[in-house]
Amino acid sequence: MAETMHFSLVTPERSVFEIEVKEVTIPAYEGEMQALPMHTPYFAKLGIGILSFTDITGDNKKLAVTGGFVEVLPDKVTMLCRTAELPEEIDAERAMAALKRAKERLEHPDENTDIERARAALMRAMARLKLIGKEVS
């Protein structure tokens, strides 16, 4: 039985990872999922959250991802994400400002407020801050 699988993570701007992994934990739209080698095939819509995977050396890596799709096959996982950010790519001050703006829009909406967009912005900011270990209140 295979102990690893190929993991490919791509955004419109770049190929983020092409790597052999032991497992991938996926923030699917309807909840977190885990893919292991020889997994039953499935296709899912991605949500907003933290993606993690363990490479063949045993190192665990995490990224903040936003939307897209994932295809899981027995020997590979392919993710097409709208955005994918490594911890070192996240600006904490900018993420805190985005969190504050989203909260204000949701707490004090006006006739021009797009509630779904504000919720998505809140979720993105929270995922970014969680990834870099910042307290979110």
C-alpha atoms as a PDB file:
ATOM      1  CA  MET A   1       0.000   0.000   0.000  1.00  0.00           C
ATOM      2  CA  ALA A   2       1.262   3.477  -0.883  1.00  0.00           C
ATOM      3  CA  GLU A   3       2.489   5.596   2.003  1.00  0.00           C
ATOM      4  CA  THR A   4       2.617   8.897   0.113  1.00  0.00           C
ATOM      5  CA  MET A   5       0.731  10.756  -2.572  1.00  0.00           C
ATOM      6  CA  HIS A   6       1.440  13.684  -4.861  1.00  0.00           C
ATOM      7  CA  PHE A   7       0.082  17.065  -3.700  1.00  0.00           C
ATOM      8  CA  SER A   8      -0.336  19.963  -6.105  1.00  0.00           C
ATOM      9  CA  LEU A   9      -1.522  23.408  -4.963  1.00  0.00           C
ATOM     10  CA  VAL A  10      -2.060  26.077  -7.610  1.00  0.00           C
ATOM     11  CA  THR A  11      -3.507  29.606  -7.563  1.00  0.00           C
ATOM     12  CA  PRO A  12      -4.155  31.847 -10.582  1.00  0.00           C
ATOM     13  CA  GLU A  13      -0.822  33.573  -9.859  1.00  0.00           C
ATOM     14  CA  ARG A  14       1.492  30.657  -9.112  1.00  0.00           C
ATOM     15  CA  SER A  15       2.181  27.029  -8.442  1.00  0.00           C
ATOM     16  CA  VAL A  16       2.559  26.964  -4.652  1.00  0.00           C
ATOM     17  CA  PHE A  17       3.482  23.299  -4.086  1.00  0.00           C
ATOM     18  CA  GLU A  18       4.256  20.196  -6.118  1.00  0.00           C
ATOM     19  CA  ILE A  19       5.330  17.729  -3.439  1.00  0.00           C
ATOM     20  CA  GLU A  20       4.983  14.201  -2.101  1.00  0.00           C
ATOM     21  CA  VAL A  21       2.994  14.107   1.156  1.00  0.00           C
ATOM     22  CA  LYS A  22       1.726  11.681   3.772  1.00  0.00           C
ATOM     23  CA  GLU A  23      -1.591  13.478   4.353  1.00  0.00           C
ATOM     24  CA  VAL A  24      -3.500  16.675   3.593  1.00  0.00           C
ATOM     25  CA  THR A  25      -6.132  18.341   5.797  1.00  0.00           C
ATOM     26  CA  ILE A  26      -8.472  20.366   3.615  1.00  0.00           C
ATOM     27  CA  PRO A  27     -10.788  23.257   4.592  1.00  0.00           C
ATOM     28  CA  ALA A  28     -13.673  22.168   2.375  1.00  0.00           C
ATOM     29  CA  TYR A  29     -16.732  24.381   2.032  1.00  0.00           C
ATOM     30  CA  GLU A  30     -18.845  21.993   4.095  1.00  0.00           C
ATOM     31  CA  GLY A  31     -16.197  21.211   6.707  1.00  0.00           C
ATOM     32  CA  GLU A  32     -12.684  19.967   7.225  1.00  0.00           C
ATOM     33  CA  MET A  33     -11.617  16.804   5.376  1.00  0.00           C
ATOM     34  CA  GLN A  34      -8.468  14.713   5.458  1.00  0.00           C
ATOM     35  CA  ALA A  35      -6.967  12.951   2.452  1.00  0.00           C
ATOM     36  CA  LEU A  36      -4.599  10.007   2.883  1.00  0.00           C
ATOM     37  CA  PRO A  37      -2.850   7.798   0.322  1.00  0.00           C
ATOM     38  CA  MET A  38      -5.296   5.377  -1.355  1.00  0.00           C
ATOM     39  CA  HIS A  39      -8.233   7.635  -0.404  1.00  0.00           C
ATOM     40  CA  THR A  40     -11.535   7.145  -2.157  1.00  0.00           C
ATOM     41  CA  PRO A  41     -11.809   9.674  -5.009  1.00  0.00           C
ATOM     42  CA  TYR A  42     -13.844  12.816  -4.423  1.00  0.00           C
ATOM     43  CA  PHE A  43     -14.196  16.372  -5.674  1.00  0.00           C
ATOM     44  CA  ALA A  44     -15.124  19.223  -3.331  1.00  0.00           C
ATOM     45  CA  LYS A  45     -15.548  22.974  -3.176  1.00  0.00           C
ATOM     46  CA  LEU A  46     -13.028  24.701  -0.899  1.00  0.00           C
ATOM     47  CA  GLY A  47     -13.950  27.076   1.867  1.00  0.00           C
ATOM     48  CA  ILE A  48     -11.862  29.672   3.672  1.00  0.00           C
ATOM     49  CA  GLY A  49      -9.464  28.361   6.287  1.00  0.00           C
ATOM     50  CA  ILE A  50      -6.216  26.655   7.142  1.00  0.00           C
ATOM     51  CA  LEU A  51      -4.832  23.949   4.871  1.00  0.00           C
ATOM     52  CA  SER A  52      -2.220  21.662   6.381  1.00  0.00           C
ATOM     53  CA  PHE A  53      -0.141  18.791   5.076  1.00  0.00           C
ATOM     54  CA  THR A  54       2.660  16.534   6.240  1.00  0.00           C
ATOM     55  CA  ASP A  55       5.508  16.061   3.807  1.00  0.00           C
ATOM     56  CA  ILE A  56       7.538  12.868   3.475  1.00  0.00           C
ATOM     57  CA  THR A  57      10.088  14.065   6.059  1.00  0.00           C
ATOM     58  CA  GLY A  58       7.308  14.421   8.648  1.00  0.00           C
ATOM     59  CA  ASP A  59       7.270  18.234   8.610  1.00  0.00           C
ATOM     60  CA  ASN A  60       3.826  19.779   8.901  1.00  0.00           C
ATOM     61  CA  LYS A  61       3.170  22.855   6.778  1.00  0.00           C
ATOM     62  CA  LYS A  62       0.174  25.202   6.948  1.00  0.00           C
ATOM     63  CA  LEU A  63      -1.298  27.830   4.636  1.00  0.00           C
ATOM     64  CA  ALA A  64      -4.320  30.128   4.641  1.00  0.00           C
ATOM     65  CA  VAL A  65      -6.470  29.340   1.599  1.00  0.00           C
ATOM     66  CA  THR A  66      -9.526  30.934   0.079  1.00  0.00           C
ATOM     67  CA  GLY A  67     -12.010  29.196  -2.174  1.00  0.00           C
ATOM     68  CA  GLY A  68     -11.540  26.977  -5.170  1.00  0.00           C
ATOM     69  CA  PHE A  69     -11.765  23.230  -5.664  1.00  0.00           C
ATOM     70  CA  VAL A  70      -9.961  20.059  -4.634  1.00  0.00           C
ATOM     71  CA  GLU A  71      -9.769  16.715  -6.390  1.00  0.00           C
ATOM     72  CA  VAL A  72      -8.660  13.749  -4.317  1.00  0.00           C
ATOM     73  CA  LEU A  73      -7.546  10.549  -6.038  1.00  0.00           C
ATOM     74  CA  PRO A  74      -5.887   7.489  -4.472  1.00  0.00           C
ATOM     75  CA  ASP A  75      -2.412   8.685  -5.486  1.00  0.00           C
ATOM     76  CA  LYS A  76      -2.763  12.490  -5.636  1.00  0.00           C
ATOM     77  CA  VAL A  77      -4.503  15.598  -4.359  1.00  0.00           C
ATOM     78  CA  THR A  78      -4.913  18.586  -6.665  1.00  0.00           C
ATOM     79  CA  MET A  79      -6.074  21.933  -5.257  1.00  0.00           C
ATOM     80  CA  LEU A  80      -6.999  24.974  -7.300  1.00  0.00           C
ATOM     81  CA  CYS A  81      -7.329  27.880  -4.844  1.00  0.00           C
ATOM     82  CA  ARG A  82      -8.313  31.486  -5.330  1.00  0.00           C
ATOM     83  CA  THR A  83      -5.547  32.420  -2.848  1.00  0.00           C
ATOM     84  CA  ALA A  84      -2.972  30.528  -0.789  1.00  0.00           C
ATOM     85  CA  GLU A  85      -0.695  32.284   1.699  1.00  0.00           C
ATOM     86  CA  LEU A  86       2.225  30.928   3.679  1.00  0.00           C
ATOM     87  CA  PRO A  87       2.662  32.312   7.214  1.00  0.00           C
ATOM     88  CA  GLU A  88       5.665  34.424   6.183  1.00  0.00           C
ATOM     89  CA  GLU A  89       3.584  36.080   3.439  1.00  0.00           C
ATOM     90  CA  ILE A  90       0.954  37.412   5.863  1.00  0.00           C
ATOM     91  CA  ASP A  91       1.133  41.001   7.097  1.00  0.00           C
ATOM     92  CA  ALA A  92      -0.314  40.903  10.643  1.00  0.00           C
ATOM     93  CA  GLU A  93      -1.216  44.606  10.724  1.00  0.00           C
ATOM     94  CA  ARG A  94      -3.014  44.394   7.394  1.00  0.00           C
ATOM     95  CA  ALA A  95      -4.913  41.265   8.514  1.00  0.00           C
ATOM     96  CA  MET A  96      -5.945  42.985  11.791  1.00  0.00           C
ATOM     97  CA  ALA A  97      -7.161  46.029   9.832  1.00  0.00           C
ATOM     98  CA  ALA A  98      -9.173  43.764   7.503  1.00  0.00           C
ATOM     99  CA  LEU A  99     -10.691  41.986  10.508  1.00  0.00           C
ATOM    100  CA  LYS A 100     -11.696  45.314  12.068  1.00  0.00           C
ATOM    101  CA  ARG A 101     -13.254  46.580   8.797  1.00  0.00           C
ATOM    102  CA  ALA A 102     -15.222  43.370   8.286  1.00  0.00           C
ATOM    103  CA  LYS A 103     -16.528  43.410  11.865  1.00  0.00           C
ATOM    104  CA  GLU A 104     -17.598  47.055  11.502  1.00  0.00           C
ATOM    105  CA  ARG A 105     -19.429  46.309   8.243  1.00  0.00           C
ATOM    106  CA  LEU A 106     -21.265  43.391   9.830  1.00  0.00           C
ATOM    107  CA  GLU A 107     -22.101  45.240  13.056  1.00  0.00           C
ATOM    108  CA  HIS A 108     -23.233  48.445  11.299  1.00  0.00           C
ATOM    109  CA  PRO A 109     -24.429  47.552   7.800  1.00  0.00           C
ATOM    110  CA  ASP A 110     -25.964  50.151   5.525  1.00  0.00           C
ATOM    111  CA  GLU A 111     -27.968  49.735   2.314  1.00  0.00           C
ATOM    112  CA  ASN A 112     -24.749  49.259   0.306  1.00  0.00           C
ATOM    113  CA  THR A 113     -23.227  46.580   2.543  1.00  0.00           C
ATOM    114  CA  ASP A 114     -22.718  43.207   0.896  1.00  0.00           C
ATOM    115  CA  ILE A 115     -23.175  40.944   3.926  1.00  0.00           C
ATOM    116  CA  GLU A 116     -21.793  37.797   2.263  1.00  0.00           C
ATOM    117  CA  ARG A 117     -18.690  39.639   1.107  1.00  0.00           C
ATOM    118  CA  ALA A 118     -18.170  41.081   4.594  1.00  0.00           C
ATOM    119  CA  ARG A 119     -18.521  37.594   6.145  1.00  0.00           C
ATOM    120  CA  ALA A 120     -15.982  36.194   3.681  1.00  0.00           C
ATOM    121  CA  ALA A 121     -13.570  39.049   4.492  1.00  0.00           C
ATOM    122  CA  LEU A 122     -13.992  38.310   8.204  1.00  0.00           C
ATOM    123  CA  MET A 123     -13.286  34.620   7.670  1.00  0.00           C
ATOM    124  CA  ARG A 124     -10.194  35.357   5.540  1.00  0.00           C
ATOM    125  CA  ALA A 125      -8.788  37.744   8.146  1.00  0.00           C
ATOM    126  CA  MET A 126      -9.450  35.259  10.952  1.00  0.00           C
ATOM    127  CA  ALA A 127      -7.748  32.417   9.054  1.00  0.00           C
ATOM    128  CA  ARG A 128      -4.704  34.588   8.311  1.00  0.00           C
ATOM    129  CA  LEU A 129      -4.376  35.665  11.923  1.00  0.00           C
ATOM    130  CA  LYS A 130      -4.860  32.137  13.248  1.00  0.00           C
ATOM    131  CA  LEU A 131      -2.168  30.877  10.884  1.00  0.00           C
ATOM    132  CA  ILE A 132       0.398  33.338  12.228  1.00  0.00           C
ATOM    133  CA  GLY A 133      -0.600  32.721  15.845  1.00  0.00           C
ATOM    134  CA  LYS A 134      -2.306  36.047  16.547  1.00  0.00           C
ATOM    135  CA  GLU A 135      -5.170  36.223  19.017  1.00  0.00           C
ATOM    136  CA  VAL A 136      -8.496  36.995  17.365  1.00  0.00           C
ATOM    137  CA  SER A 137     -11.165  38.586  19.521  1.00  0.00           C
END
